[in-house]
Every structure is written in C-alpha cells, then in structure tokens.
N, C-alpha and C. Protein backbone atom coordinates (compact mmCIF):
# COMPACT_ATOMS: atom_id res chain seq x y z
N MET A 1 -9.95 17.49 -14.83
CA MET A 1 -9.11 18.61 -15.32
C MET A 1 -9.32 19.36 -13.95
N LYS A 2 -10.56 19.48 -13.03
CA LYS A 2 -10.23 20.31 -11.99
C LYS A 2 -9.62 19.52 -11.17
N ALA A 3 -10.05 18.07 -10.99
CA ALA A 3 -8.93 17.22 -9.67
C ALA A 3 -7.65 17.15 -10.00
N LEU A 4 -7.09 17.56 -11.42
CA LEU A 4 -5.70 17.48 -11.52
C LEU A 4 -4.91 18.98 -11.23
N VAL A 5 -5.70 20.06 -11.27
CA VAL A 5 -5.23 21.31 -10.82
C VAL A 5 -5.61 21.16 -9.04
N PHE A 6 -6.39 20.82 -8.73
CA PHE A 6 -6.83 20.45 -7.21
C PHE A 6 -5.53 19.99 -6.80
N GLY A 7 -5.33 18.87 -7.59
CA GLY A 7 -4.28 17.94 -6.76
C GLY A 7 -2.90 18.63 -7.07
N ILE A 8 -2.14 19.33 -7.92
CA ILE A 8 -1.23 20.13 -8.11
C ILE A 8 -1.05 21.04 -7.06
N LEU A 9 -2.30 21.82 -6.94
CA LEU A 9 -2.31 23.05 -5.75
C LEU A 9 -1.94 22.28 -4.26
N ILE A 10 -2.53 21.21 -3.87
CA ILE A 10 -2.40 20.51 -2.89
C ILE A 10 -0.95 20.10 -2.67
N LEU A 11 -0.37 19.25 -3.37
CA LEU A 11 0.81 19.04 -3.58
C LEU A 11 1.90 20.19 -3.38
N ALA A 12 1.58 21.11 -4.24
CA ALA A 12 2.53 22.30 -3.89
C ALA A 12 2.36 23.07 -2.77
N ALA A 13 1.01 22.88 -1.97
CA ALA A 13 0.98 23.51 -0.48
C ALA A 13 1.69 22.88 0.39
N ALA A 14 1.80 21.42 0.14
CA ALA A 14 2.46 20.56 1.12
C ALA A 14 3.94 20.71 1.04
N VAL A 15 4.23 20.88 0.04
CA VAL A 15 5.67 21.21 -0.39
C VAL A 15 6.24 22.30 0.08
N LEU A 16 5.21 23.62 0.02
CA LEU A 16 5.70 24.76 0.75
C LEU A 16 5.63 24.46 2.27
N ALA A 17 4.82 23.93 2.78
CA ALA A 17 4.73 23.77 4.28
C ALA A 17 5.78 23.31 4.81
N ILE A 18 6.51 22.29 4.26
CA ILE A 18 7.99 21.83 4.53
C ILE A 18 9.14 22.70 4.48
N LEU A 19 9.05 23.38 3.43
CA LEU A 19 10.43 24.30 3.12
C LEU A 19 10.57 25.13 4.08
N PRO A 20 11.75 25.70 4.53
CA PRO A 20 12.05 26.66 5.19
C PRO A 20 11.41 27.90 5.19
N VAL A 21 11.48 28.43 3.87
CA VAL A 21 10.73 29.19 3.45
C VAL A 21 9.12 29.79 3.82
N GLY A 22 8.72 28.16 4.09
CA GLY A 22 7.03 28.47 4.16
C GLY A 22 6.78 28.17 5.65
N LEU A 23 6.42 27.37 6.04
CA LEU A 23 5.67 27.15 7.70
C LEU A 23 6.84 26.27 8.18
N ASP A 24 7.72 25.85 7.61
CA ASP A 24 8.76 25.15 7.86
C ASP A 24 8.79 23.92 9.17
N TRP A 25 7.55 23.19 8.48
CA TRP A 25 6.90 21.79 9.19
C TRP A 25 8.12 20.59 9.17
N ARG A 26 9.40 20.88 8.70
CA ARG A 26 10.01 19.85 8.15
C ARG A 26 10.24 18.72 9.42
N GLU A 27 10.66 19.37 10.82
CA GLU A 27 11.03 18.25 11.79
C GLU A 27 9.69 17.83 12.18
N ASP A 28 8.61 18.35 11.84
CA ASP A 28 7.14 17.81 12.30
C ASP A 28 6.72 16.53 11.40
N VAL A 29 7.02 17.03 9.93
CA VAL A 29 6.63 15.56 9.20
C VAL A 29 7.94 14.65 9.22
N LEU A 30 9.02 14.95 9.60
CA LEU A 30 10.30 13.69 9.84
C LEU A 30 9.64 13.00 11.05
N SER A 31 9.14 13.86 12.21
CA SER A 31 8.65 13.00 13.26
C SER A 31 7.79 12.12 12.92
N PHE A 32 6.37 12.59 12.40
CA PHE A 32 5.40 11.75 11.68
C PHE A 32 6.02 10.48 11.07
N LEU A 33 6.93 10.70 9.98
CA LEU A 33 7.12 9.57 9.12
C LEU A 33 8.05 8.60 10.04
N ARG A 34 8.55 9.13 11.12
CA ARG A 34 9.48 8.05 11.95
C ARG A 34 8.50 7.51 12.74
N GLY A 35 7.59 7.71 13.04
CA GLY A 35 6.54 6.97 13.74
C GLY A 35 5.36 6.30 12.77
N ALA A 36 5.09 6.48 11.57
CA ALA A 36 4.38 6.05 10.81
C ALA A 36 5.03 4.69 10.12
N LEU A 37 5.94 4.87 9.82
CA LEU A 37 7.08 3.84 9.12
C LEU A 37 6.96 2.63 9.66
N PRO A 38 7.29 2.42 10.93
CA PRO A 38 7.07 0.87 11.32
C PRO A 38 5.73 0.43 11.28
N VAL A 39 4.49 1.22 11.64
CA VAL A 39 3.24 0.89 11.81
C VAL A 39 2.89 0.52 10.25
N LEU A 40 3.08 1.10 9.12
CA LEU A 40 3.04 0.69 7.88
C LEU A 40 3.83 -0.33 7.40
N ALA A 41 4.92 -0.63 7.81
CA ALA A 41 5.73 -2.02 7.49
C ALA A 41 4.71 -3.17 8.34
N ILE A 42 4.33 -2.92 9.36
CA ILE A 42 3.58 -4.11 10.22
C ILE A 42 2.45 -4.37 9.16
N PHE A 43 1.32 -3.31 8.97
CA PHE A 43 0.46 -3.54 7.95
C PHE A 43 0.65 -4.42 6.98
N ILE A 44 2.06 -3.62 6.09
CA ILE A 44 1.94 -4.44 4.62
C ILE A 44 2.66 -5.81 4.85
N GLY A 45 3.29 -5.86 5.91
CA GLY A 45 3.70 -7.41 6.88
C GLY A 45 2.51 -8.28 6.51
N LEU A 46 1.44 -7.97 7.46
CA LEU A 46 0.07 -8.47 7.78
C LEU A 46 -0.47 -8.93 6.12
N VAL A 47 -0.54 -7.93 5.58
CA VAL A 47 -1.16 -8.09 4.02
C VAL A 47 -0.39 -9.30 3.36
N SER A 48 0.65 -9.18 3.30
CA SER A 48 1.42 -10.04 2.53
C SER A 48 1.26 -11.48 3.01
N ILE A 49 1.07 -11.73 4.44
CA ILE A 49 1.04 -13.01 5.11
C ILE A 49 -0.46 -13.39 4.40
N PHE A 50 -1.15 -12.59 4.62
CA PHE A 50 -2.79 -13.09 4.21
C PHE A 50 -2.75 -13.37 2.61
N ILE A 51 -1.99 -12.78 1.57
CA ILE A 51 -1.95 -12.87 0.59
C ILE A 51 -1.23 -14.20 0.22
N GLY A 52 -0.21 -14.45 1.16
CA GLY A 52 0.42 -15.75 0.81
C GLY A 52 -0.29 -16.81 1.39
N ILE A 53 -1.14 -16.87 2.42
CA ILE A 53 -1.81 -17.97 2.81
C ILE A 53 -3.01 -18.18 1.98
N ALA A 54 -3.64 -17.48 1.05
CA ALA A 54 -4.62 -17.66 0.12
C ALA A 54 -4.27 -18.24 -1.18
N ASP A 55 -2.85 -17.61 -1.24
CA ASP A 55 -2.10 -18.18 -2.43
C ASP A 55 -2.02 -19.74 -2.27
N ILE A 56 -1.70 -20.16 -1.06
CA ILE A 56 -1.11 -21.57 -0.89
C ILE A 56 -2.50 -22.44 -0.97
N LYS A 57 -3.72 -21.62 -0.10
CA LYS A 57 -5.08 -22.53 -0.39
C LYS A 57 -5.52 -22.67 -1.72
N ASP A 58 -5.26 -21.80 -2.61
CA ASP A 58 -5.82 -21.78 -4.18
C ASP A 58 -5.02 -22.80 -4.57
N ARG A 59 -3.57 -22.77 -4.37
CA ARG A 59 -3.05 -23.83 -5.26
C ARG A 59 -3.13 -25.43 -4.64
N ALA A 60 -3.46 -25.70 -3.25
CA ALA A 60 -3.84 -26.78 -2.74
C ALA A 60 -5.30 -27.28 -3.47
N GLU A 61 -6.01 -26.22 -3.77
CA GLU A 61 -7.38 -26.64 -4.23
C GLU A 61 -7.81 -26.97 -5.60
N ALA A 62 -6.22 -26.03 -6.38
CA ALA A 62 -6.07 -26.29 -7.70
C ALA A 62 -5.69 -28.05 -7.78
N LYS A 63 -4.58 -28.29 -7.00
CA LYS A 63 -3.96 -29.37 -7.08
C LYS A 63 -5.16 -30.38 -6.69
N LYS A 64 -6.16 -30.48 -5.83
CA LYS A 64 -7.16 -31.29 -5.64
C LYS A 64 -7.94 -31.78 -6.83
N GLU A 65 -8.22 -30.28 -7.53
CA GLU A 65 -9.49 -30.57 -8.39
C GLU A 65 -8.91 -31.31 -9.74
N GLU A 66 -7.30 -31.44 -9.83
CA GLU A 66 -6.24 -31.79 -10.97
C GLU A 66 -6.28 -33.15 -10.74
N GLU A 67 -6.11 -33.61 -9.39
CA GLU A 67 -6.27 -34.96 -9.07
C GLU A 67 -7.54 -35.79 -9.26
N ALA A 68 -8.81 -35.02 -9.08
CA ALA A 68 -9.72 -35.63 -9.41
C ALA A 68 -10.30 -35.41 -10.95
N GLY A 69 -9.37 -35.08 -11.72
CA GLY A 69 -9.65 -35.20 -13.21
C GLY A 69 -10.18 -33.78 -13.55
N ASN A 70 -10.70 -33.27 -12.99
CA ASN A 70 -11.69 -32.08 -13.31
C ASN A 70 -10.34 -30.66 -13.28
N PRO A 71 -10.18 -30.24 -14.76
CA PRO A 71 -9.72 -29.40 -14.82
C PRO A 71 -9.85 -27.67 -13.94
N PRO A 72 -8.98 -27.26 -13.56
CA PRO A 72 -9.23 -25.72 -13.01
C PRO A 72 -10.05 -24.95 -14.01
N PRO A 73 -11.11 -24.18 -13.47
CA PRO A 73 -11.92 -23.42 -14.62
C PRO A 73 -10.67 -22.42 -14.87
N ALA A 74 -11.10 -21.71 -16.21
CA ALA A 74 -10.12 -20.67 -16.96
C ALA A 74 -10.54 -19.56 -16.47
N ALA A 75 -9.57 -18.77 -16.12
CA ALA A 75 -9.72 -17.35 -15.79
C ALA A 75 -9.99 -16.25 -16.74
C-alpha cells in the first residue's frame, strides 16, 4: 500500500513538473524524449533480432530431434 501511494505521489510530481503552472519543464522533457526514442528503438530492434535468432535455433533443434525419432520434451 505504501508503494502504491508513493508511486501516485511521484507520478503527480512528474506531471506537475511538466505543466506550465508547475516547473514548466515541458521543453526539456520533449527534448529528452526526442533523443531517447531513437536509442530505445535501436535497443528494441536488437532484442527482437536476438529473440528471432533464438527462435530459429530452437525450431531447428526441435526439427532435428523429431527427425531422429525423439519427441521434443513437453514444456
């Protein structure tokens, strides 16, 4: 319960910091987001590539086991 209240307070403080009646950090926040979004997109892309490669390897291994007559282990 304490964590929920703390989270709500932090979220409210962040929103207040962005609003013109608060600290008016709107331009700084937008500038940060403009810089962070390409980096985040690169990170998500790399993670997706690694997951795709792992999936391809898992399928190839399952196919080898199936051809050898051993059923894949049940998950």
